């Protein structure tokens, strides 16, 4: 089911992008701190998908000695770069300096927070303002699978396992 959704979404994005390609070049900036294998795989997959979609994708990879202020400075530069339309901060932050992920996420402008993980996006989602916020990718994928499978969950008692910022929290907001 997930592969079918991925193919449909990829096809849809390619088609939509062809309509606006002449005037707009999407550019995703990814920030990664450290060298965790799962993070490397995730970032590589994102970069491959961006290439497949003919988007620009740039990686700012920092070593394990990176401080919170260095990460936030990088984010602020990306926030002010008009060519960058989306910023993704790869979590967890694998740094010996122990930067606070929430402080770093909150430094991302809400309109560039494509994963919907900063506090403003979370608050908008918590108040049901889906029209003004980005839905975290994992939550959106779970909802797409439910929709594609034809399951009707409104009005049912459901269990959301986990309350992480990338999946469970938004799904809990949605189905409270």
N, C-alpha and C. Protein backbone atom coordinates (compact mmCIF):
# COMPACT_ATOMS: atom_id res chain seq x y z
N UNK A 1 0.82 -1.20 0.00
CA UNK A 1 0.00 0.00 0.00
C UNK A 1 0.87 1.27 0.00
N UNK A 2 1.95 1.25 0.79
CA UNK A 2 2.84 2.41 0.87
C UNK A 2 3.53 2.71 -0.44
N UNK A 3 3.93 1.65 -1.17
CA UNK A 3 4.61 1.85 -2.45
C UNK A 3 3.65 2.46 -3.47
N UNK A 4 2.40 2.03 -3.46
CA UNK A 4 1.40 2.58 -4.38
C UNK A 4 1.20 4.06 -4.10
N UNK A 5 1.09 4.41 -2.83
CA UNK A 5 0.93 5.81 -2.45
C UNK A 5 2.14 6.62 -2.89
N UNK A 6 3.32 6.09 -2.64
CA UNK A 6 4.55 6.79 -3.04
C UNK A 6 4.57 7.06 -4.54
N UNK A 7 4.20 6.06 -5.32
CA UNK A 7 4.18 6.23 -6.78
C UNK A 7 3.14 7.27 -7.20
N UNK A 8 1.97 7.24 -6.58
CA UNK A 8 0.93 8.22 -6.90
C UNK A 8 1.37 9.64 -6.55
N UNK A 9 1.94 9.79 -5.37
CA UNK A 9 2.39 11.12 -4.93
C UNK A 9 3.50 11.62 -5.84
N UNK A 10 4.44 10.76 -6.17
CA UNK A 10 5.54 11.15 -7.06
C UNK A 10 5.00 11.57 -8.42
N UNK A 11 4.07 10.80 -8.97
CA UNK A 11 3.47 11.13 -10.27
C UNK A 11 2.76 12.48 -10.19
N UNK A 12 1.98 12.69 -9.13
CA UNK A 12 1.24 13.94 -8.95
C UNK A 12 2.19 15.13 -8.86
N UNK A 13 3.23 15.01 -8.06
CA UNK A 13 4.18 16.12 -7.89
C UNK A 13 4.87 16.43 -9.20
N UNK A 14 5.30 15.40 -9.92
CA UNK A 14 5.96 15.63 -11.22
C UNK A 14 5.03 16.38 -12.16
N UNK A 15 3.77 15.96 -12.20
CA UNK A 15 2.80 16.59 -13.09
C UNK A 15 2.56 18.05 -12.70
N UNK A 16 2.37 18.30 -11.42
CA UNK A 16 2.15 19.67 -10.94
C UNK A 16 3.37 20.55 -11.19
N UNK A 17 4.54 19.98 -10.97
CA UNK A 17 5.77 20.74 -11.15
C UNK A 17 5.96 21.15 -12.60
N UNK A 18 5.57 20.30 -13.53
CA UNK A 18 5.72 20.65 -14.94
C UNK A 18 4.89 21.88 -15.30
N UNK A 19 3.80 22.11 -14.60
CA UNK A 19 2.95 23.27 -14.86
C UNK A 19 3.59 24.58 -14.39
N UNK A 20 4.47 24.51 -13.40
CA UNK A 20 5.05 25.74 -12.85
C UNK A 20 6.56 25.83 -13.05
N UNK A 21 7.14 24.84 -13.70
CA UNK A 21 8.59 24.72 -13.79
C UNK A 21 9.28 25.97 -14.35
N UNK A 22 8.67 26.62 -15.29
CA UNK A 22 9.34 27.75 -15.92
C UNK A 22 9.54 28.93 -14.97
N UNK A 23 8.68 29.06 -13.97
CA UNK A 23 8.79 30.22 -13.10
C UNK A 23 9.30 29.91 -11.69
N UNK A 24 9.46 28.64 -11.36
CA UNK A 24 9.78 28.29 -9.98
C UNK A 24 10.65 27.05 -9.93
N UNK A 25 11.70 27.10 -9.17
CA UNK A 25 12.58 25.94 -8.97
C UNK A 25 12.59 25.58 -7.48
N UNK A 26 11.84 24.53 -7.08
CA UNK A 26 11.84 24.14 -5.67
C UNK A 26 13.25 23.81 -5.18
N UNK A 27 13.57 24.27 -4.00
CA UNK A 27 14.88 24.01 -3.41
C UNK A 27 14.70 23.64 -1.95
N UNK A 28 15.01 22.39 -1.64
CA UNK A 28 14.96 21.88 -0.28
C UNK A 28 16.37 21.92 0.31
N UNK A 29 16.49 22.48 1.49
CA UNK A 29 17.76 22.47 2.22
C UNK A 29 17.63 21.51 3.40
N UNK A 30 18.54 20.57 3.47
CA UNK A 30 18.56 19.60 4.57
C UNK A 30 19.75 19.90 5.46
N UNK A 31 19.51 19.92 6.76
CA UNK A 31 20.58 20.11 7.73
C UNK A 31 20.72 18.81 8.52
N UNK A 32 21.92 18.26 8.51
CA UNK A 32 22.19 17.04 9.26
C UNK A 32 23.39 17.26 10.16
N UNK A 33 23.25 16.85 11.40
CA UNK A 33 24.34 16.96 12.37
C UNK A 33 24.76 15.55 12.77
N UNK A 34 26.03 15.24 12.56
CA UNK A 34 26.55 13.92 12.92
C UNK A 34 26.47 12.95 11.76
N UNK A 35 26.64 11.68 12.10
CA UNK A 35 26.77 10.67 11.05
C UNK A 35 26.05 9.37 11.42
N UNK A 36 24.86 9.48 11.98
CA UNK A 36 24.11 8.28 12.33
C UNK A 36 23.66 7.57 11.05
N UNK A 37 23.82 6.25 11.02
CA UNK A 37 23.49 5.48 9.81
C UNK A 37 22.03 5.67 9.40
N UNK A 38 21.05 5.54 10.31
CA UNK A 38 19.65 5.74 9.87
C UNK A 38 19.41 7.13 9.30
N UNK A 39 20.04 8.14 9.88
CA UNK A 39 19.90 9.51 9.36
C UNK A 39 20.52 9.62 7.98
N UNK A 40 21.68 9.00 7.79
CA UNK A 40 22.31 9.02 6.47
C UNK A 40 21.41 8.40 5.41
N UNK A 41 20.78 7.28 5.76
CA UNK A 41 19.87 6.60 4.83
C UNK A 41 18.68 7.50 4.51
N UNK A 42 18.07 8.07 5.53
CA UNK A 42 16.90 8.93 5.35
C UNK A 42 17.23 10.14 4.48
N UNK A 43 18.35 10.78 4.77
CA UNK A 43 18.76 11.96 3.99
C UNK A 43 19.04 11.56 2.54
N UNK A 44 19.74 10.44 2.36
CA UNK A 44 20.04 9.98 1.00
C UNK A 44 18.74 9.73 0.22
N UNK A 45 17.75 9.11 0.85
CA UNK A 45 16.46 8.85 0.19
C UNK A 45 15.78 10.16 -0.19
N UNK A 46 15.81 11.14 0.70
CA UNK A 46 15.20 12.44 0.39
C UNK A 46 15.90 13.09 -0.80
N UNK A 47 17.21 13.01 -0.82
CA UNK A 47 17.97 13.64 -1.90
C UNK A 47 17.72 12.91 -3.23
N UNK A 48 17.60 11.58 -3.18
CA UNK A 48 17.29 10.82 -4.40
C UNK A 48 15.90 11.19 -4.92
N UNK A 49 14.94 11.32 -4.01
CA UNK A 49 13.58 11.68 -4.43
C UNK A 49 13.57 13.08 -5.03
N UNK A 50 14.28 14.01 -4.42
CA UNK A 50 14.35 15.37 -4.96
C UNK A 50 14.94 15.35 -6.37
N UNK A 51 15.99 14.57 -6.56
CA UNK A 51 16.61 14.46 -7.89
C UNK A 51 15.63 13.86 -8.89
N UNK A 52 14.91 12.83 -8.46
CA UNK A 52 13.90 12.19 -9.31
C UNK A 52 12.82 13.18 -9.73
N UNK A 53 12.47 14.08 -8.82
CA UNK A 53 11.44 15.08 -9.10
C UNK A 53 12.00 16.34 -9.78
N UNK A 54 13.32 16.35 -9.96
CA UNK A 54 14.02 17.49 -10.57
C UNK A 54 13.94 18.75 -9.71
N UNK A 55 13.97 18.55 -8.40
CA UNK A 55 14.05 19.65 -7.44
C UNK A 55 15.52 19.84 -7.10
N UNK A 56 15.87 21.02 -6.66
CA UNK A 56 17.20 21.25 -6.11
C UNK A 56 17.16 20.83 -4.64
N UNK A 57 18.16 20.09 -4.23
CA UNK A 57 18.25 19.65 -2.83
C UNK A 57 19.69 19.81 -2.39
N UNK A 58 19.89 20.57 -1.34
CA UNK A 58 21.25 20.77 -0.84
C UNK A 58 21.35 20.29 0.60
N UNK A 59 22.50 19.74 0.93
CA UNK A 59 22.73 19.20 2.27
C UNK A 59 23.80 20.02 2.97
N UNK A 60 23.46 20.48 4.17
CA UNK A 60 24.44 21.11 5.05
C UNK A 60 24.71 20.08 6.14
N UNK A 61 25.83 19.39 6.03
CA UNK A 61 26.16 18.34 6.99
C UNK A 61 27.23 18.85 7.95
N UNK A 62 26.92 18.74 9.23
CA UNK A 62 27.79 19.24 10.29
C UNK A 62 28.35 18.06 11.09
N UNK A 63 29.53 18.25 11.68
CA UNK A 63 30.13 17.18 12.47
C UNK A 63 29.52 17.13 13.87
N UNK A 64 29.98 16.19 14.66
CA UNK A 64 29.41 15.95 15.99
C UNK A 64 29.79 17.02 17.01
N UNK A 65 30.63 17.96 16.64
CA UNK A 65 31.02 19.04 17.55
C UNK A 65 30.22 20.31 17.30
N UNK A 66 29.12 20.19 16.62
CA UNK A 66 28.33 21.36 16.23
C UNK A 66 27.45 21.83 17.39
N UNK A 67 27.49 23.13 17.63
CA UNK A 67 26.70 23.71 18.73
C UNK A 67 25.31 24.13 18.24
N UNK A 68 24.44 24.34 19.19
CA UNK A 68 23.09 24.83 18.88
C UNK A 68 23.15 26.15 18.13
N UNK A 69 24.01 27.05 18.56
CA UNK A 69 24.09 28.37 17.89
C UNK A 69 24.56 28.23 16.45
N UNK A 70 25.44 27.29 16.16
CA UNK A 70 25.87 27.07 14.78
C UNK A 70 24.70 26.57 13.92
N UNK A 71 23.93 25.66 14.47
CA UNK A 71 22.77 25.13 13.74
C UNK A 71 21.76 26.25 13.49
N UNK A 72 21.47 27.02 14.52
CA UNK A 72 20.49 28.11 14.38
C UNK A 72 20.99 29.17 13.40
N UNK A 73 22.27 29.48 13.42
CA UNK A 73 22.81 30.43 12.43
C UNK A 73 22.63 29.91 11.01
N UNK A 74 22.87 28.63 10.81
CA UNK A 74 22.67 28.02 9.49
C UNK A 74 21.21 28.13 9.08
N UNK A 75 20.30 27.81 10.01
CA UNK A 75 18.86 27.89 9.74
C UNK A 75 18.46 29.32 9.39
N UNK A 76 18.97 30.29 10.13
CA UNK A 76 18.62 31.69 9.86
C UNK A 76 19.09 32.13 8.48
N UNK A 77 20.26 31.67 8.07
CA UNK A 77 20.73 31.98 6.71
C UNK A 77 19.79 31.39 5.67
N UNK A 78 19.36 30.15 5.89
CA UNK A 78 18.44 29.50 4.96
C UNK A 78 17.07 30.17 4.97
N UNK A 79 16.62 30.61 6.15
CA UNK A 79 15.34 31.33 6.25
C UNK A 79 15.34 32.58 5.36
N UNK A 80 16.47 33.25 5.29
CA UNK A 80 16.57 34.51 4.55
C UNK A 80 16.96 34.33 3.09
N UNK A 81 17.24 33.11 2.68
CA UNK A 81 17.61 32.84 1.29
C UNK A 81 16.33 32.64 0.48
N UNK A 82 16.02 33.55 -0.44
CA UNK A 82 14.78 33.43 -1.21
C UNK A 82 14.73 32.22 -2.14
N UNK A 83 15.88 31.62 -2.42
CA UNK A 83 15.90 30.43 -3.29
C UNK A 83 15.46 29.17 -2.54
N UNK A 84 15.58 29.20 -1.22
CA UNK A 84 15.22 28.04 -0.39
C UNK A 84 13.74 28.11 -0.06
N UNK A 85 12.98 27.08 -0.45
CA UNK A 85 11.55 27.10 -0.13
C UNK A 85 11.18 26.11 0.97
N UNK A 86 12.10 25.24 1.34
CA UNK A 86 11.83 24.30 2.41
C UNK A 86 13.10 23.92 3.15
N UNK A 87 12.97 23.77 4.46
CA UNK A 87 14.10 23.39 5.31
C UNK A 87 13.70 22.15 6.10
N UNK A 88 14.60 21.17 6.09
CA UNK A 88 14.39 19.96 6.88
C UNK A 88 15.57 19.79 7.82
N UNK A 89 15.30 19.71 9.10
CA UNK A 89 16.33 19.45 10.10
C UNK A 89 16.26 17.97 10.44
N UNK A 90 17.29 17.23 10.05
CA UNK A 90 17.30 15.79 10.29
C UNK A 90 17.48 15.51 11.78
N UNK A 91 16.53 14.78 12.33
CA UNK A 91 16.59 14.38 13.74
C UNK A 91 16.88 12.90 13.84
N UNK A 92 17.56 12.45 14.87
CA UNK A 92 18.07 13.22 15.99
C UNK A 92 19.34 13.98 15.61
N UNK A 93 19.64 15.00 16.40
CA UNK A 93 20.86 15.77 16.22
C UNK A 93 21.98 15.01 16.93
N UNK A 94 22.90 14.48 16.17
CA UNK A 94 23.99 13.65 16.71
C UNK A 94 25.19 14.53 17.04
N UNK A 95 25.06 15.29 18.12
CA UNK A 95 26.12 16.24 18.49
C UNK A 95 26.53 16.05 19.94
N UNK A 96 27.83 16.10 20.17
CA UNK A 96 28.35 16.03 21.54
C UNK A 96 28.05 17.30 22.32
N UNK A 97 27.63 18.36 21.63
CA UNK A 97 27.29 19.63 22.29
C UNK A 97 25.86 19.65 22.81
N UNK A 98 25.08 18.63 22.51
CA UNK A 98 23.70 18.48 22.97
C UNK A 98 22.80 19.67 22.66
N UNK A 99 22.70 20.06 21.38
CA UNK A 99 21.77 21.15 21.03
C UNK A 99 20.33 20.72 21.30
N UNK A 100 19.51 21.67 21.68
CA UNK A 100 18.09 21.40 21.93
C UNK A 100 17.37 21.35 20.59
N UNK A 101 16.84 20.19 20.20
CA UNK A 101 16.17 20.08 18.90
C UNK A 101 15.01 21.06 18.76
N UNK A 102 14.27 21.30 19.84
CA UNK A 102 13.12 22.19 19.76
C UNK A 102 13.56 23.62 19.47
N UNK A 103 14.62 24.08 20.10
CA UNK A 103 15.13 25.42 19.79
C UNK A 103 15.53 25.52 18.32
N UNK A 104 16.16 24.48 17.82
CA UNK A 104 16.58 24.48 16.42
C UNK A 104 15.37 24.44 15.49
N UNK A 105 14.40 23.58 15.77
CA UNK A 105 13.19 23.51 14.94
C UNK A 105 12.44 24.83 14.95
N UNK A 106 12.38 25.48 16.12
CA UNK A 106 11.65 26.75 16.22
C UNK A 106 12.35 27.89 15.49
N UNK A 107 13.61 27.70 15.16
CA UNK A 107 14.33 28.73 14.39
C UNK A 107 13.91 28.70 12.91
N UNK A 108 13.32 27.60 12.48
CA UNK A 108 12.89 27.49 11.08
C UNK A 108 11.60 28.28 10.90
N UNK A 109 11.57 29.17 9.90
CA UNK A 109 10.33 29.91 9.61
C UNK A 109 9.23 28.90 9.32
N UNK A 110 8.05 29.15 9.85
CA UNK A 110 6.94 28.22 9.70
C UNK A 110 6.66 27.90 8.25
N UNK A 111 6.74 28.91 7.37
CA UNK A 111 6.44 28.67 5.96
C UNK A 111 7.52 27.85 5.26
N UNK A 112 8.67 27.68 5.90
CA UNK A 112 9.74 26.84 5.33
C UNK A 112 9.90 25.53 6.09
N UNK A 113 9.11 25.34 7.14
CA UNK A 113 9.18 24.13 7.97
C UNK A 113 8.38 23.02 7.30
N UNK A 114 8.96 22.42 6.27
CA UNK A 114 8.19 21.48 5.45
C UNK A 114 7.81 20.21 6.18
N UNK A 115 8.43 19.93 7.31
CA UNK A 115 8.04 18.75 8.07
C UNK A 115 7.01 19.08 9.15
N UNK A 116 6.72 20.36 9.34
CA UNK A 116 5.69 20.76 10.29
C UNK A 116 6.03 20.45 11.73
N UNK A 117 7.29 20.58 12.11
CA UNK A 117 7.71 20.17 13.45
C UNK A 117 7.97 21.30 14.43
N UNK A 118 7.95 22.56 13.98
CA UNK A 118 8.19 23.63 14.95
C UNK A 118 6.92 23.88 15.78
N UNK A 119 7.06 24.64 16.85
CA UNK A 119 5.93 24.85 17.77
C UNK A 119 4.75 25.54 17.11
N UNK A 120 5.02 26.49 16.22
CA UNK A 120 3.91 27.19 15.56
C UNK A 120 3.10 26.22 14.70
N UNK A 121 3.77 25.39 13.92
CA UNK A 121 3.04 24.39 13.13
C UNK A 121 2.26 23.44 14.02
N UNK A 122 2.91 22.98 15.09
CA UNK A 122 2.23 22.07 16.02
C UNK A 122 1.00 22.71 16.63
N UNK A 123 1.11 23.98 17.01
CA UNK A 123 -0.04 24.69 17.59
C UNK A 123 -1.16 24.83 16.56
N UNK A 124 -0.80 25.20 15.34
CA UNK A 124 -1.82 25.32 14.29
C UNK A 124 -2.54 24.00 14.08
N UNK A 125 -1.78 22.91 14.04
CA UNK A 125 -2.40 21.60 13.86
C UNK A 125 -3.26 21.24 15.06
N UNK A 126 -2.78 21.57 16.27
CA UNK A 126 -3.54 21.29 17.48
C UNK A 126 -4.87 22.01 17.52
N UNK A 127 -4.92 23.18 16.90
CA UNK A 127 -6.16 23.95 16.83
C UNK A 127 -6.95 23.65 15.57
N UNK A 128 -6.54 22.62 14.83
CA UNK A 128 -7.28 22.22 13.64
C UNK A 128 -7.08 23.12 12.44
N UNK A 129 -6.06 23.96 12.45
CA UNK A 129 -5.79 24.88 11.34
C UNK A 129 -4.89 24.22 10.30
N UNK A 130 -5.35 23.10 9.77
CA UNK A 130 -4.60 22.34 8.78
C UNK A 130 -4.37 23.18 7.52
N UNK A 131 -5.24 24.16 7.28
CA UNK A 131 -5.11 25.03 6.10
C UNK A 131 -3.88 25.93 6.18
N UNK A 132 -3.34 26.13 7.39
CA UNK A 132 -2.21 27.06 7.56
C UNK A 132 -0.93 26.38 8.02
N UNK A 133 -0.94 25.07 8.15
CA UNK A 133 0.23 24.37 8.70
C UNK A 133 0.63 23.21 7.80
N UNK A 134 1.85 22.78 7.98
CA UNK A 134 2.32 21.57 7.32
C UNK A 134 2.06 20.39 8.24
N UNK A 135 1.56 19.31 7.67
CA UNK A 135 1.34 18.08 8.43
C UNK A 135 2.64 17.29 8.40
N UNK A 136 3.12 16.81 9.54
CA UNK A 136 4.34 16.01 9.52
C UNK A 136 4.23 14.84 8.53
N UNK A 137 5.32 14.58 7.82
CA UNK A 137 5.32 13.62 6.72
C UNK A 137 4.83 12.23 7.13
N UNK A 138 5.29 11.74 8.27
CA UNK A 138 4.90 10.40 8.70
C UNK A 138 3.41 10.34 8.99
N UNK A 139 2.88 11.39 9.61
CA UNK A 139 1.43 11.46 9.86
C UNK A 139 0.66 11.50 8.56
N UNK A 140 1.12 12.31 7.62
CA UNK A 140 0.44 12.41 6.32
C UNK A 140 0.46 11.07 5.60
N UNK A 141 1.58 10.35 5.69
CA UNK A 141 1.67 9.03 5.06
C UNK A 141 0.69 8.05 5.70
N UNK A 142 0.60 8.06 7.02
CA UNK A 142 -0.34 7.17 7.71
C UNK A 142 -1.78 7.48 7.31
N UNK A 143 -2.12 8.77 7.23
CA UNK A 143 -3.47 9.16 6.82
C UNK A 143 -3.74 8.75 5.38
N UNK A 144 -2.75 8.86 4.52
CA UNK A 144 -2.91 8.46 3.11
C UNK A 144 -3.16 6.96 3.00
N UNK A 145 -2.46 6.17 3.79
CA UNK A 145 -2.66 4.72 3.77
C UNK A 145 -4.08 4.38 4.22
N UNK A 146 -4.54 5.02 5.29
CA UNK A 146 -5.91 4.80 5.78
C UNK A 146 -6.92 5.16 4.69
N UNK A 147 -6.71 6.31 4.04
CA UNK A 147 -7.62 6.77 2.99
C UNK A 147 -7.60 5.83 1.79
N UNK A 148 -6.41 5.46 1.34
CA UNK A 148 -6.29 4.58 0.17
C UNK A 148 -6.90 3.21 0.43
N UNK A 149 -6.76 2.73 1.67
CA UNK A 149 -7.34 1.44 2.03
C UNK A 149 -8.86 1.50 2.14
N UNK A 150 -9.41 2.72 2.16
CA UNK A 150 -10.86 2.87 2.24
C UNK A 150 -11.42 2.72 3.64
N UNK A 151 -10.57 2.83 4.63
CA UNK A 151 -11.02 2.70 6.00
C UNK A 151 -11.64 4.00 6.47
N UNK A 152 -12.76 3.90 7.15
CA UNK A 152 -13.41 5.07 7.73
C UNK A 152 -13.15 5.04 9.23
N UNK A 153 -12.39 5.99 9.73
CA UNK A 153 -12.04 5.98 11.15
C UNK A 153 -12.76 7.04 11.95
N UNK A 154 -13.40 8.00 11.28
CA UNK A 154 -14.14 9.03 12.02
C UNK A 154 -15.24 8.36 12.83
N UNK A 155 -15.34 8.72 14.09
CA UNK A 155 -16.36 8.17 14.98
C UNK A 155 -15.95 6.88 15.66
N UNK A 156 -14.82 6.31 15.28
CA UNK A 156 -14.35 5.08 15.91
C UNK A 156 -13.41 5.40 17.06
N UNK A 157 -13.29 4.46 17.98
CA UNK A 157 -12.26 4.54 19.00
C UNK A 157 -10.99 3.97 18.39
N UNK A 158 -9.95 4.79 18.31
CA UNK A 158 -8.70 4.31 17.74
C UNK A 158 -7.57 4.52 18.75
N UNK A 159 -6.52 3.77 18.55
CA UNK A 159 -5.35 3.89 19.41
C UNK A 159 -4.20 4.42 18.57
N UNK A 160 -3.57 5.47 19.04
CA UNK A 160 -2.37 6.00 18.41
C UNK A 160 -1.21 5.60 19.31
N UNK A 161 -0.31 4.78 18.78
CA UNK A 161 0.83 4.32 19.57
C UNK A 161 1.96 5.32 19.40
N UNK A 162 2.37 5.90 20.49
CA UNK A 162 3.46 6.88 20.45
C UNK A 162 2.92 8.29 20.36
N UNK A 163 3.73 9.23 20.83
CA UNK A 163 3.33 10.63 20.83
C UNK A 163 4.49 11.50 20.32
N UNK A 164 5.28 10.93 19.42
CA UNK A 164 6.43 11.66 18.89
C UNK A 164 6.00 12.79 17.98
N UNK A 165 6.90 13.75 17.79
CA UNK A 165 6.55 14.92 16.98
C UNK A 165 6.42 14.60 15.50
N UNK A 166 7.00 13.50 15.04
CA UNK A 166 6.93 13.21 13.61
C UNK A 166 5.69 12.42 13.21
N UNK A 167 4.99 11.82 14.14
CA UNK A 167 3.83 11.01 13.75
C UNK A 167 2.70 11.07 14.76
N UNK A 168 2.91 10.46 15.91
CA UNK A 168 1.83 10.25 16.86
C UNK A 168 1.14 11.50 17.36
N UNK A 169 1.90 12.56 17.58
CA UNK A 169 1.30 13.76 18.17
C UNK A 169 0.21 14.34 17.27
N UNK A 170 0.49 14.52 15.97
CA UNK A 170 -0.52 15.08 15.09
C UNK A 170 -1.72 14.15 14.98
N UNK A 171 -1.48 12.85 14.85
CA UNK A 171 -2.60 11.91 14.74
C UNK A 171 -3.45 11.96 16.00
N UNK A 172 -2.82 12.14 17.16
CA UNK A 172 -3.59 12.29 18.40
C UNK A 172 -4.44 13.55 18.37
N UNK A 173 -3.86 14.67 17.89
CA UNK A 173 -4.63 15.92 17.75
C UNK A 173 -5.84 15.69 16.85
N UNK A 174 -5.61 15.03 15.75
CA UNK A 174 -6.66 14.86 14.74
C UNK A 174 -7.82 14.02 15.25
N UNK A 175 -7.52 13.01 16.05
CA UNK A 175 -8.56 12.07 16.45
C UNK A 175 -9.00 12.20 17.90
N UNK A 176 -8.69 13.32 18.54
CA UNK A 176 -9.18 13.54 19.92
C UNK A 176 -10.67 13.80 19.86
